[in-house]
Amino acid sequence: MDASPAAFALADRYTVVLAGAAALAVWGRRPDTALLGVLDRLDGRLGGDGVLLPAERAHVEEHLFGEVVRRVRDNRLLDLSARRVPG
């Protein structure tokens, strides 16, 4: 592909903005810890300092890790549906 580094950087930033918009569409009406974690990470990808303070970030990471552990133990998918996996 013949494109400049600036074009690739712009495409990268655009995908981050789209990911933020998708997160807001999913969680915007009922913001929760997952939304804060997503927005914090995406802000970091755009070169920002993040939207959370270090203590808040630690709390969000602990909450999300706990959710992952709970879903794995309960044989649930790690997606938005959290459906049970047979077996």
Protein backbone atom coordinates (compact mmCIF):
# COMPACT_ATOMS: atom_id res chain seq x y z
CA MET A 1 0.00 0.00 0.00
CA ASP A 2 1.38 3.37 -0.95
CA ALA A 3 0.41 5.84 1.78
CA SER A 4 2.33 8.27 3.92
CA PRO A 5 2.98 7.69 7.63
CA ALA A 6 0.69 10.65 8.32
CA ALA A 7 -2.15 8.91 6.49
CA PHE A 8 -1.67 5.77 8.59
CA ALA A 9 -1.58 7.86 11.78
CA LEU A 10 -4.82 9.57 10.77
CA ALA A 11 -6.48 6.22 10.06
CA ASP A 12 -5.34 4.96 13.47
CA ARG A 13 -6.80 7.99 15.25
CA TYR A 14 -10.04 7.60 13.30
CA THR A 15 -10.42 3.98 14.42
CA VAL A 16 -9.88 5.01 18.04
CA VAL A 17 -12.61 7.64 17.73
CA LEU A 18 -14.93 5.05 16.16
CA ALA A 19 -14.22 2.66 19.03
CA GLY A 20 -15.11 5.43 21.50
CA ALA A 21 -18.35 6.11 19.66
CA ALA A 22 -19.21 2.41 19.72
CA ALA A 23 -18.53 2.22 23.46
CA LEU A 24 -20.77 5.21 24.10
CA ALA A 25 -23.50 3.66 21.94
CA VAL A 26 -23.36 0.46 24.00
CA TRP A 27 -22.98 1.93 27.50
CA GLY A 28 -23.95 5.58 27.10
CA ARG A 29 -27.39 5.24 28.69
CA ARG A 30 -26.11 3.19 31.60
CA PRO A 31 -22.49 4.13 32.16
CA ASP A 32 -20.56 1.64 34.20
CA THR A 33 -17.03 0.63 35.05
CA ALA A 34 -16.47 -0.97 31.65
CA LEU A 35 -17.22 2.29 29.84
CA LEU A 36 -14.78 4.19 32.04
CA GLY A 37 -12.11 1.59 31.37
CA VAL A 38 -12.68 1.73 27.62
CA LEU A 39 -12.62 5.52 27.45
CA ASP A 40 -9.52 5.67 29.63
CA ARG A 41 -7.65 3.26 27.36
CA LEU A 42 -8.80 4.99 24.18
CA ASP A 43 -7.76 8.40 25.51
CA GLY A 44 -4.34 6.93 26.19
CA ARG A 45 -4.17 5.65 22.60
CA LEU A 46 -4.80 9.21 21.42
CA GLY A 47 -1.87 10.47 23.51
CA GLY A 48 -3.89 11.75 26.45
CA ASP A 49 -3.27 11.10 30.11
CA GLY A 50 -6.46 9.05 30.43
CA VAL A 51 -9.76 10.07 31.93
CA LEU A 52 -9.18 8.33 35.25
CA LEU A 53 -6.88 9.10 38.14
CA PRO A 54 -4.42 6.33 39.05
CA ALA A 55 -6.54 5.16 42.01
CA GLU A 56 -9.68 5.14 39.85
CA ARG A 57 -7.83 3.23 37.13
CA ALA A 58 -6.73 0.60 39.66
CA HIS A 59 -10.34 0.22 40.85
CA VAL A 60 -11.63 -0.17 37.28
CA GLU A 61 -8.94 -2.73 36.45
CA GLU A 62 -9.75 -4.75 39.58
CA HIS A 63 -13.47 -4.65 38.77
CA LEU A 64 -12.94 -5.75 35.17
CA PHE A 65 -10.52 -8.51 36.20
CA GLY A 66 -13.07 -9.76 38.71
CA GLU A 67 -15.73 -9.79 36.00
CA VAL A 68 -13.49 -11.82 33.69
CA VAL A 69 -12.74 -14.33 36.46
CA ARG A 70 -16.45 -14.64 37.27
CA ARG A 71 -17.36 -15.25 33.63
CA VAL A 72 -14.62 -17.84 33.12
CA ARG A 73 -15.68 -19.73 36.26
CA ASP A 74 -19.32 -19.55 35.15
CA ASN A 75 -18.48 -20.67 31.55
CA ARG A 76 -19.67 -17.42 30.01
CA LEU A 77 -18.47 -15.56 26.92
CA LEU A 78 -16.20 -12.56 27.37
CA ASP A 79 -18.28 -10.39 25.05
CA LEU A 80 -21.24 -8.06 25.54
CA SER A 81 -23.75 -10.90 25.70
CA ALA A 82 -22.00 -12.91 28.45
CA ARG A 83 -23.90 -15.98 27.22
CA ARG A 84 -23.19 -19.32 28.79
CA VAL A 85 -20.81 -21.58 26.84
CA PRO A 86 -21.95 -25.20 26.67
CA GLY A 87 -19.68 -27.74 28.28
